[in-house]
Amino acid sequence: METSVDNHEITDPVKTSERIIQYRLEVRNLIGTEVQKVMDEEIKKATQELFDEQRRAIKQIVEEHKLVIKEIVEEEKKAIWEKAEALRESIMKVGL
């Protein structure tokens, strides 16, 4: 912002009005820049919080699916062992 003013500019209403308008624009630009910085930071924080929340939700879903898969695998193992035991018993009966 330019700060030097001569006496002619002070007495000239047009120059004074132009300078006031220029100062107002500069102040608006400075305020706008600061507001934009704050908004950008808030958006960044909110976005990070959202990503963190989604990441936690995904991890929870993965853990739940792991448990379900583990249960299914255990049930299948049990079924296979039962079939193997039944087959072994039938072989033993035939062999006797």
PDB file of N, CA and C in Angstrom:
ATOM      1  N   MET A   1       0.840  -1.165   0.000  1.00  0.00           N
ATOM      2  CA  MET A   1       0.000   0.000   0.000  1.00  0.00           C
ATOM      3  C   MET A   1       0.889   1.233   0.000  1.00  0.00           C
ATOM      4  N   GLU A   2       0.558   2.138  -0.836  1.00  0.00           N
ATOM      5  CA  GLU A   2       1.310   3.383  -0.948  1.00  0.00           C
ATOM      6  C   GLU A   2       0.843   4.335   0.143  1.00  0.00           C
ATOM      7  N   THR A   3       1.818   4.959   0.841  1.00  0.00           N
ATOM      8  CA  THR A   3       1.435   5.827   1.957  1.00  0.00           C
ATOM      9  C   THR A   3       1.746   7.297   1.729  1.00  0.00           C
ATOM     10  N   SER A   4       2.495   7.599   0.696  1.00  0.00           N
ATOM     11  CA  SER A   4       2.821   9.015   0.477  1.00  0.00           C
ATOM     12  C   SER A   4       1.637   9.729  -0.161  1.00  0.00           C
ATOM     13  N   VAL A   5       1.315  10.887   0.399  1.00  0.00           N
ATOM     14  CA  VAL A   5       0.194  11.683  -0.090  1.00  0.00           C
ATOM     15  C   VAL A   5       0.661  13.134  -0.129  1.00  0.00           C
ATOM     16  N   ASP A   6       0.432  13.781  -1.250  1.00  0.00           N
ATOM     17  CA  ASP A   6       0.786  15.209  -1.280  1.00  0.00           C
ATOM     18  C   ASP A   6      -0.458  16.053  -1.019  1.00  0.00           C
ATOM     19  N   ASN A   7      -0.271  17.333  -0.777  1.00  0.00           N
ATOM     20  CA  ASN A   7      -1.379  18.224  -0.422  1.00  0.00           C
ATOM     21  C   ASN A   7      -2.427  18.293  -1.514  1.00  0.00           C
ATOM     22  N   HIS A   8      -2.021  18.187  -2.755  1.00  0.00           N
ATOM     23  CA  HIS A   8      -2.963  18.272  -3.861  1.00  0.00           C
ATOM     24  C   HIS A   8      -3.962  17.111  -3.818  1.00  0.00           C
ATOM     25  N   GLU A   9      -3.465  15.902  -3.463  1.00  0.00           N
ATOM     26  CA  GLU A   9      -4.354  14.743  -3.391  1.00  0.00           C
ATOM     27  C   GLU A   9      -5.355  14.873  -2.251  1.00  0.00           C
ATOM     28  N   ILE A  10      -4.943  15.498  -1.173  1.00  0.00           N
ATOM     29  CA  ILE A  10      -5.844  15.656  -0.035  1.00  0.00           C
ATOM     30  C   ILE A  10      -6.989  16.604  -0.378  1.00  0.00           C
ATOM     31  N   THR A  11      -6.686  17.649  -1.121  1.00  0.00           N
ATOM     32  CA  THR A  11      -7.726  18.629  -1.442  1.00  0.00           C
ATOM     33  C   THR A  11      -8.562  18.218  -2.640  1.00  0.00           C
ATOM     34  N   ASP A  12      -8.080  17.279  -3.423  1.00  0.00           N
ATOM     35  CA  ASP A  12      -8.812  16.840  -4.615  1.00  0.00           C
ATOM     36  C   ASP A  12      -9.758  15.700  -4.221  1.00  0.00           C
ATOM     37  N   PRO A  13     -11.079  15.969  -4.227  1.00  0.00           N
ATOM     38  CA  PRO A  13     -12.031  14.948  -3.801  1.00  0.00           C
ATOM     39  C   PRO A  13     -11.984  13.688  -4.650  1.00  0.00           C
ATOM     40  N   VAL A  14     -11.729  13.817  -5.947  1.00  0.00           N
ATOM     41  CA  VAL A  14     -11.674  12.641  -6.822  1.00  0.00           C
ATOM     42  C   VAL A  14     -10.493  11.766  -6.433  1.00  0.00           C
ATOM     43  N   LYS A  15      -9.318  12.388  -6.245  1.00  0.00           N
ATOM     44  CA  LYS A  15      -8.123  11.621  -5.866  1.00  0.00           C
ATOM     45  C   LYS A  15      -8.328  10.980  -4.493  1.00  0.00           C
ATOM     46  N   THR A  16      -8.930  11.739  -3.587  1.00  0.00           N
ATOM     47  CA  THR A  16      -9.181  11.210  -2.250  1.00  0.00           C
ATOM     48  C   THR A  16     -10.127  10.015  -2.326  1.00  0.00           C
ATOM     49  N   SER A  17     -11.185  10.128  -3.100  1.00  0.00           N
ATOM     50  CA  SER A  17     -12.131   9.022  -3.269  1.00  0.00           C
ATOM     51  C   SER A  17     -11.455   7.815  -3.897  1.00  0.00           C
ATOM     52  N   GLU A  18     -10.621   8.047  -4.913  1.00  0.00           N
ATOM     53  CA  GLU A  18      -9.903   6.945  -5.566  1.00  0.00           C
ATOM     54  C   GLU A  18      -8.979   6.248  -4.573  1.00  0.00           C
ATOM     55  N   ARG A  19      -8.292   7.053  -3.756  1.00  0.00           N
ATOM     56  CA  ARG A  19      -7.369   6.478  -2.777  1.00  0.00           C
ATOM     57  C   ARG A  19      -8.146   5.669  -1.728  1.00  0.00           C
ATOM     58  N   ILE A  20      -9.282   6.202  -1.281  1.00  0.00           N
ATOM     59  CA  ILE A  20     -10.105   5.476  -0.305  1.00  0.00           C
ATOM     60  C   ILE A  20     -10.587   4.159  -0.907  1.00  0.00           C
ATOM     61  N   ILE A  21     -11.042   4.210  -2.143  1.00  0.00           N
ATOM     62  CA  ILE A  21     -11.491   2.985  -2.821  1.00  0.00           C
ATOM     63  C   ILE A  21     -10.341   1.991  -2.935  1.00  0.00           C
ATOM     64  N   GLN A  22      -9.159   2.490  -3.305  1.00  0.00           N
ATOM     65  CA  GLN A  22      -7.986   1.619  -3.443  1.00  0.00           C
ATOM     66  C   GLN A  22      -7.632   0.969  -2.098  1.00  0.00           C
ATOM     67  N   TYR A  23      -7.638   1.763  -1.027  1.00  0.00           N
ATOM     68  CA  TYR A  23      -7.343   1.222   0.296  1.00  0.00           C
ATOM     69  C   TYR A  23      -8.371   0.166   0.696  1.00  0.00           C
ATOM     70  N   ARG A  24      -9.634   0.450   0.427  1.00  0.00           N
ATOM     71  CA  ARG A  24     -10.683  -0.520   0.757  1.00  0.00           C
ATOM     72  C   ARG A  24     -10.475  -1.831   0.006  1.00  0.00           C
ATOM     73  N   LEU A  25     -10.126  -1.726  -1.274  1.00  0.00           N
ATOM     74  CA  LEU A  25      -9.876  -2.937  -2.069  1.00  0.00           C
ATOM     75  C   LEU A  25      -8.692  -3.721  -1.513  1.00  0.00           C
ATOM     76  N   GLU A  26      -7.637  -2.985  -1.150  1.00  0.00           N
ATOM     77  CA  GLU A  26      -6.463  -3.660  -0.598  1.00  0.00           C
ATOM     78  C   GLU A  26      -6.793  -4.347   0.722  1.00  0.00           C
ATOM     79  N   VAL A  27      -7.570  -3.669   1.561  1.00  0.00           N
ATOM     80  CA  VAL A  27      -7.972  -4.261   2.838  1.00  0.00           C
ATOM     81  C   VAL A  27      -8.846  -5.489   2.591  1.00  0.00           C
ATOM     82  N   ARG A  28      -9.788  -5.396   1.667  1.00  0.00           N
ATOM     83  CA  ARG A  28     -10.641  -6.549   1.336  1.00  0.00           C
ATOM     84  C   ARG A  28      -9.802  -7.722   0.841  1.00  0.00           C
ATOM     85  N   ASN A  29      -8.816  -7.408  -0.012  1.00  0.00           N
ATOM     86  CA  ASN A  29      -7.952  -8.474  -0.527  1.00  0.00           C
ATOM     87  C   ASN A  29      -7.174  -9.139   0.602  1.00  0.00           C
ATOM     88  N   LEU A  30      -6.636  -8.309   1.511  1.00  0.00           N
ATOM     89  CA  LEU A  30      -5.886  -8.872   2.638  1.00  0.00           C
ATOM     90  C   LEU A  30      -6.791  -9.719   3.529  1.00  0.00           C
ATOM     91  N   ILE A  31      -7.967  -9.205   3.831  1.00  0.00           N
ATOM     92  CA  ILE A  31      -8.916  -9.958   4.655  1.00  0.00           C
ATOM     93  C   ILE A  31      -9.332 -11.230   3.927  1.00  0.00           C
ATOM     94  N   GLY A  32      -9.614 -11.100   2.644  1.00  0.00           N
ATOM     95  CA  GLY A  32     -10.012 -12.265   1.853  1.00  0.00           C
ATOM     96  C   GLY A  32      -8.949 -13.337   1.851  1.00  0.00           C
ATOM     97  N   THR A  33      -7.690 -12.925   1.744  1.00  0.00           N
ATOM     98  CA  THR A  33      -6.584 -13.878   1.745  1.00  0.00           C
ATOM     99  C   THR A  33      -6.507 -14.602   3.085  1.00  0.00           C
ATOM    100  N   GLU A  34      -6.623 -13.855   4.171  1.00  0.00           N
ATOM    101  CA  GLU A  34      -6.567 -14.469   5.499  1.00  0.00           C
ATOM    102  C   GLU A  34      -7.758 -15.394   5.731  1.00  0.00           C
ATOM    103  N   VAL A  35      -8.931 -14.953   5.330  1.00  0.00           N
ATOM    104  CA  VAL A  35     -10.131 -15.786   5.474  1.00  0.00           C
ATOM    105  C   VAL A  35      -9.963 -17.066   4.665  1.00  0.00           C
ATOM    106  N   GLN A  36      -9.433 -16.946   3.458  1.00  0.00           N
ATOM    107  CA  GLN A  36      -9.225 -18.123   2.609  1.00  0.00           C
ATOM    108  C   GLN A  36      -8.234 -19.083   3.253  1.00  0.00           C
ATOM    109  N   LYS A  37      -7.176 -18.543   3.873  1.00  0.00           N
ATOM    110  CA  LYS A  37      -6.204 -19.399   4.557  1.00  0.00           C
ATOM    111  C   LYS A  37      -6.874 -20.170   5.688  1.00  0.00           C
ATOM    112  N   VAL A  38      -7.693 -19.469   6.471  1.00  0.00           N
ATOM    113  CA  VAL A  38      -8.391 -20.116   7.583  1.00  0.00           C
ATOM    114  C   VAL A  38      -9.353 -21.176   7.054  1.00  0.00           C
ATOM    115  N   MET A  39     -10.091 -20.830   6.012  1.00  0.00           N
ATOM    116  CA  MET A  39     -11.032 -21.789   5.425  1.00  0.00           C
ATOM    117  C   MET A  39     -10.295 -23.009   4.887  1.00  0.00           C
ATOM    118  N   ASP A  40      -9.181 -22.782   4.201  1.00  0.00           N
ATOM    119  CA  ASP A  40      -8.399 -23.900   3.669  1.00  0.00           C
ATOM    120  C   ASP A  40      -7.934 -24.817   4.794  1.00  0.00           C
ATOM    121  N   GLU A  41      -7.481 -24.224   5.894  1.00  0.00           N
ATOM    122  CA  GLU A  41      -7.014 -25.013   7.029  1.00  0.00           C
ATOM    123  C   GLU A  41      -8.165 -25.806   7.646  1.00  0.00           C
ATOM    124  N   GLU A  42      -9.319 -25.186   7.783  1.00  0.00           N
ATOM    125  CA  GLU A  42     -10.486 -25.878   8.340  1.00  0.00           C
ATOM    126  C   GLU A  42     -10.934 -27.018   7.423  1.00  0.00           C
ATOM    127  N   ILE A  43     -10.914 -26.770   6.129  1.00  0.00           N
ATOM    128  CA  ILE A  43     -11.279 -27.814   5.165  1.00  0.00           C
ATOM    129  C   ILE A  43     -10.288 -28.967   5.249  1.00  0.00           C
ATOM    130  N   LYS A  44      -9.016 -28.633   5.371  1.00  0.00           N
ATOM    131  CA  LYS A  44      -7.978 -29.659   5.480  1.00  0.00           C
ATOM    132  C   LYS A  44      -8.200 -30.513   6.734  1.00  0.00           C
ATOM    133  N   LYS A  45      -8.484 -29.855   7.868  1.00  0.00           N
ATOM    134  CA  LYS A  45      -8.739 -30.586   9.112  1.00  0.00           C
ATOM    135  C   LYS A  45      -9.971 -31.483   8.976  1.00  0.00           C
ATOM    136  N   ALA A  46     -11.046 -30.926   8.439  1.00  0.00           N
ATOM    137  CA  ALA A  46     -12.289 -31.691   8.295  1.00  0.00           C
ATOM    138  C   ALA A  46     -12.084 -32.885   7.368  1.00  0.00           C
ATOM    139  N   THR A  47     -11.351 -32.673   6.288  1.00  0.00           N
ATOM    140  CA  THR A  47     -11.077 -33.756   5.341  1.00  0.00           C
ATOM    141  C   THR A  47     -10.257 -34.851   6.012  1.00  0.00           C
ATOM    142  N   GLN A  48      -9.241 -34.456   6.784  1.00  0.00           N
ATOM    143  CA  GLN A  48      -8.410 -35.438   7.477  1.00  0.00           C
ATOM    144  C   GLN A  48      -9.235 -36.221   8.490  1.00  0.00           C
ATOM    145  N   GLU A  49     -10.114 -35.521   9.220  1.00  0.00           N
ATOM    146  CA  GLU A  49     -10.979 -36.203  10.182  1.00  0.00           C
ATOM    147  C   GLU A  49     -11.892 -37.201   9.478  1.00  0.00           C
ATOM    148  N   LEU A  50     -12.421 -36.804   8.332  1.00  0.00           N
ATOM    149  CA  LEU A  50     -13.289 -37.698   7.567  1.00  0.00           C
ATOM    150  C   LEU A  50     -12.514 -38.924   7.098  1.00  0.00           C
ATOM    151  N   PHE A  51     -11.302 -38.714   6.568  1.00  0.00           N
ATOM    152  CA  PHE A  51     -10.481 -39.841   6.124  1.00  0.00           C
ATOM    153  C   PHE A  51     -10.153 -40.763   7.297  1.00  0.00           C
ATOM    154  N   ASP A  52      -9.813 -40.172   8.453  1.00  0.00           N
ATOM    155  CA  ASP A  52      -9.499 -40.988   9.626  1.00  0.00           C
ATOM    156  C   ASP A  52     -10.706 -41.809  10.057  1.00  0.00           C
ATOM    157  N   GLU A  53     -11.871 -41.187  10.041  1.00  0.00           N
ATOM    158  CA  GLU A  53     -13.104 -41.885  10.413  1.00  0.00           C
ATOM    159  C   GLU A  53     -13.387 -43.027   9.438  1.00  0.00           C
ATOM    160  N   GLN A  54     -13.216 -42.767   8.150  1.00  0.00           N
ATOM    161  CA  GLN A  54     -13.436 -43.813   7.149  1.00  0.00           C
ATOM    162  C   GLN A  54     -12.424 -44.939   7.310  1.00  0.00           C
ATOM    163  N   ARG A  55     -11.179 -44.582   7.594  1.00  0.00           N
ATOM    164  CA  ARG A  55     -10.135 -45.589   7.782  1.00  0.00           C
ATOM    165  C   ARG A  55     -10.483 -46.489   8.974  1.00  0.00           C
ATOM    166  N   ARG A  56     -10.939 -45.879  10.077  1.00  0.00           N
ATOM    167  CA  ARG A  56     -11.331 -46.675  11.253  1.00  0.00           C
ATOM    168  C   ARG A  56     -12.504 -47.598  10.917  1.00  0.00           C
ATOM    169  N   ALA A  57     -13.473 -47.071  10.180  1.00  0.00           N
ATOM    170  CA  ALA A  57     -14.639 -47.879   9.805  1.00  0.00           C
ATOM    171  C   ALA A  57     -14.215 -49.051   8.922  1.00  0.00           C
ATOM    172  N   ILE A  58     -13.330 -48.800   7.984  1.00  0.00           N
ATOM    173  CA  ILE A  58     -12.854 -49.872   7.094  1.00  0.00           C
ATOM    174  C   ILE A  58     -12.097 -50.925   7.894  1.00  0.00           C
ATOM    175  N   LYS A  59     -11.232 -50.480   8.816  1.00  0.00           N
ATOM    176  CA  LYS A  59     -10.493 -51.439   9.646  1.00  0.00           C
ATOM    177  C   LYS A  59     -11.449 -52.297  10.467  1.00  0.00           C
ATOM    178  N   GLN A  60     -12.490 -51.673  11.000  1.00  0.00           N
ATOM    179  CA  GLN A  60     -13.466 -52.422  11.790  1.00  0.00           C
ATOM    180  C   GLN A  60     -14.175 -53.457  10.919  1.00  0.00           C
ATOM    181  N   ILE A  61     -14.562 -53.066   9.717  1.00  0.00           N
ATOM    182  CA  ILE A  61     -15.232 -53.993   8.800  1.00  0.00           C
ATOM    183  C   ILE A  61     -14.305 -55.150   8.443  1.00  0.00           C
ATOM    184  N   VAL A  62     -13.039 -54.837   8.180  1.00  0.00           N
ATOM    185  CA  VAL A  62     -12.066 -55.884   7.847  1.00  0.00           C
ATOM    186  C   VAL A  62     -11.923 -56.857   9.014  1.00  0.00           C
ATOM    187  N   GLU A  63     -11.818 -56.323  10.229  1.00  0.00           N
ATOM    188  CA  GLU A  63     -11.691 -57.200  11.398  1.00  0.00           C
ATOM    189  C   GLU A  63     -12.928 -58.081  11.566  1.00  0.00           C
ATOM    190  N   GLU A  64     -14.104 -57.507  11.357  1.00  0.00           N
ATOM    191  CA  GLU A  64     -15.334 -58.297  11.455  1.00  0.00           C
ATOM    192  C   GLU A  64     -15.359 -59.398  10.402  1.00  0.00           C
ATOM    193  N   HIS A  65     -14.922 -59.070   9.196  1.00  0.00           N
ATOM    194  CA  HIS A  65     -14.893 -60.081   8.134  1.00  0.00           C
ATOM    195  C   HIS A  65     -13.861 -61.166   8.443  1.00  0.00           C
ATOM    196  N   LYS A  66     -12.741 -60.780   9.033  1.00  0.00           N
ATOM    197  CA  LYS A  66     -11.741 -61.776   9.412  1.00  0.00           C
ATOM    198  C   LYS A  66     -12.340 -62.779  10.396  1.00  0.00           C
ATOM    199  N   LEU A  67     -13.098 -62.267  11.357  1.00  0.00           N
ATOM    200  CA  LEU A  67     -13.724 -63.158  12.339  1.00  0.00           C
ATOM    201  C   LEU A  67     -14.724 -64.098  11.678  1.00  0.00           C
ATOM    202  N   VAL A  68     -15.523 -63.564  10.774  1.00  0.00           N
ATOM    203  CA  VAL A  68     -16.506 -64.391  10.069  1.00  0.00           C
ATOM    204  C   VAL A  68     -15.794 -65.452   9.240  1.00  0.00           C
ATOM    205  N   ILE A  69     -14.758 -65.055   8.530  1.00  0.00           N
ATOM    206  CA  ILE A  69     -14.000 -66.010   7.707  1.00  0.00           C
ATOM    207  C   ILE A  69     -13.367 -67.078   8.590  1.00  0.00           C
ATOM    208  N   LYS A  70     -12.822 -66.658   9.738  1.00  0.00           N
ATOM    209  CA  LYS A  70     -12.210 -67.623  10.655  1.00  0.00           C
ATOM    210  C   LYS A  70     -13.252 -68.633  11.138  1.00  0.00           C
ATOM    211  N   GLU A  71     -14.451 -68.163  11.461  1.00  0.00           N
ATOM    212  CA  GLU A  71     -15.525 -69.068  11.887  1.00  0.00           C
ATOM    213  C   GLU A  71     -15.881 -70.050  10.773  1.00  0.00           C
ATOM    214  N   ILE A  72     -15.984 -69.549   9.555  1.00  0.00           N
ATOM    215  CA  ILE A  72     -16.322 -70.411   8.414  1.00  0.00           C
ATOM    216  C   ILE A  72     -15.239 -71.461   8.213  1.00  0.00           C
ATOM    217  N   VAL A  73     -13.977 -71.045   8.284  1.00  0.00           N
ATOM    218  CA  VAL A  73     -12.864 -71.981   8.111  1.00  0.00           C
ATOM    219  C   VAL A  73     -12.905 -73.053   9.199  1.00  0.00           C
ATOM    220  N   GLU A  74     -13.150 -72.643  10.444  1.00  0.00           N
ATOM    221  CA  GLU A  74     -13.227 -73.612  11.539  1.00  0.00           C
ATOM    222  C   GLU A  74     -14.375 -74.596  11.328  1.00  0.00           C
ATOM    223  N   GLU A  75     -15.524 -74.097  10.882  1.00  0.00           N
ATOM    224  CA  GLU A  75     -16.667 -74.978  10.611  1.00  0.00           C
ATOM    225  C   GLU A  75     -16.337 -75.957   9.490  1.00  0.00           C
ATOM    226  N   GLU A  76     -15.673 -75.471   8.451  1.00  0.00           N
ATOM    227  CA  GLU A  76     -15.296 -76.351   7.333  1.00  0.00           C
ATOM    228  C   GLU A  76     -14.281 -77.398   7.781  1.00  0.00           C
ATOM    229  N   LYS A  77     -13.320 -76.987   8.610  1.00  0.00           N
ATOM    230  CA  LYS A  77     -12.341 -77.944   9.131  1.00  0.00           C
ATOM    231  C   LYS A  77     -13.051 -79.043   9.921  1.00  0.00           C
ATOM    232  N   LYS A  78     -13.975 -78.607  10.769  1.00  0.00           N
ATOM    233  CA  LYS A  78     -14.720 -79.566  11.591  1.00  0.00           C
ATOM    234  C   LYS A  78     -15.502 -80.529  10.701  1.00  0.00           C
ATOM    235  N   ALA A  79     -16.164 -80.002   9.674  1.00  0.00           N
ATOM    236  CA  ALA A  79     -16.939 -80.848   8.757  1.00  0.00           C
ATOM    237  C   ALA A  79     -16.022 -81.827   8.029  1.00  0.00           C
ATOM    238  N   ILE A  80     -14.866 -81.365   7.597  1.00  0.00           N
ATOM    239  CA  ILE A  80     -13.911 -82.247   6.899  1.00  0.00           C
ATOM    240  C   ILE A  80     -13.421 -83.340   7.839  1.00  0.00           C
ATOM    241  N   TRP A  81     -13.085 -82.983   9.088  1.00  0.00           N
ATOM    242  CA  TRP A  81     -12.626 -83.983  10.049  1.00  0.00           C
ATOM    243  C   TRP A  81     -13.720 -85.002  10.352  1.00  0.00           C
ATOM    244  N   GLU A  82     -14.960 -84.530  10.446  1.00  0.00           N
ATOM    245  CA  GLU A  82     -16.070 -85.457  10.696  1.00  0.00           C
ATOM    246  C   GLU A  82     -16.233 -86.425   9.528  1.00  0.00           C
ATOM    247  N   LYS A  83     -16.132 -85.909   8.300  1.00  0.00           N
ATOM    248  CA  LYS A  83     -16.233 -86.780   7.120  1.00  0.00           C
ATOM    249  C   LYS A  83     -15.060 -87.750   7.069  1.00  0.00           C
ATOM    250  N   ALA A  84     -13.878 -87.249   7.405  1.00  0.00           N
ATOM    251  CA  ALA A  84     -12.694 -88.115   7.400  1.00  0.00           C
ATOM    252  C   ALA A  84     -12.834 -89.210   8.454  1.00  0.00           C
ATOM    253  N   GLU A  85     -13.339 -88.851   9.617  1.00  0.00           N
ATOM    254  CA  GLU A  85     -13.542 -89.835  10.687  1.00  0.00           C
ATOM    255  C   GLU A  85     -14.589 -90.870  10.270  1.00  0.00           C
ATOM    256  N   ALA A  86     -15.675 -90.419   9.649  1.00  0.00           N
ATOM    257  CA  ALA A  86     -16.713 -91.348   9.181  1.00  0.00           C
ATOM    258  C   ALA A  86     -16.139 -92.266   8.110  1.00  0.00           C
ATOM    259  N   LEU A  87     -15.349 -91.732   7.204  1.00  0.00           N
ATOM    260  CA  LEU A  87     -14.716 -92.536   6.156  1.00  0.00           C
ATOM    261  C   LEU A  87     -13.753 -93.544   6.769  1.00  0.00           C
ATOM    262  N   ARG A  88     -12.975 -93.134   7.743  1.00  0.00           N
ATOM    263  CA  ARG A  88     -12.032 -94.035   8.416  1.00  0.00           C
ATOM    264  C   ARG A  88     -12.781 -95.177   9.105  1.00  0.00           C
ATOM    265  N   GLU A  89     -13.886 -94.813   9.769  1.00  0.00           N
ATOM    266  CA  GLU A  89     -14.679 -95.845  10.446  1.00  0.00           C
ATOM    267  C   GLU A  89     -15.275 -96.833   9.448  1.00  0.00           C
ATOM    268  N   SER A  90     -15.755 -96.334   8.306  1.00  0.00           N
ATOM    269  CA  SER A  90     -16.329 -97.254   7.310  1.00  0.00           C
ATOM    270  C   SER A  90     -15.240 -98.129   6.699  1.00  0.00           C
ATOM    271  N   ILE A  91     -14.050 -97.610   6.532  1.00  0.00           N
ATOM    272  CA  ILE A  91     -12.933 -98.424   6.016  1.00  0.00           C
ATOM    273  C   ILE A  91     -12.570 -99.499   7.039  1.00  0.00           C
ATOM    274  N   MET A  92     -12.568 -99.120   8.304  1.00  0.00           N
ATOM    275  CA  MET A  92     -12.238-100.080   9.362  1.00  0.00           C
ATOM    276  C   MET A  92     -13.279-101.207   9.403  1.00  0.00           C
ATOM    277  N   LYS A  93     -14.555-100.868   9.216  1.00  0.00           N
ATOM    278  CA  LYS A  93     -15.613-101.884   9.235  1.00  0.00           C
ATOM    279  C   LYS A  93     -15.452-102.842   8.063  1.00  0.00           C
ATOM    280  N   VAL A  94     -15.141-102.292   6.905  1.00  0.00           N
ATOM    281  CA  VAL A  94     -14.967-103.131   5.720  1.00  0.00           C
ATOM    282  C   VAL A  94     -13.722-103.992   5.872  1.00  0.00           C
ATOM    283  N   GLY A  95     -12.712-103.438   6.472  1.00  0.00           N
ATOM    284  CA  GLY A  95     -11.449-104.156   6.647  1.00  0.00           C
ATOM    285  C   GLY A  95     -11.545-105.274   7.657  1.00  0.00           C
ATOM    286  N   LEU A  96     -12.466-105.208   8.598  1.00  0.00           N
ATOM    287  CA  LEU A  96     -12.589-106.250   9.621  1.00  0.00           C
ATOM    288  C   LEU A  96     -13.321-107.387   9.077  1.00  0.00           C
TER     289      LEU A  96
END
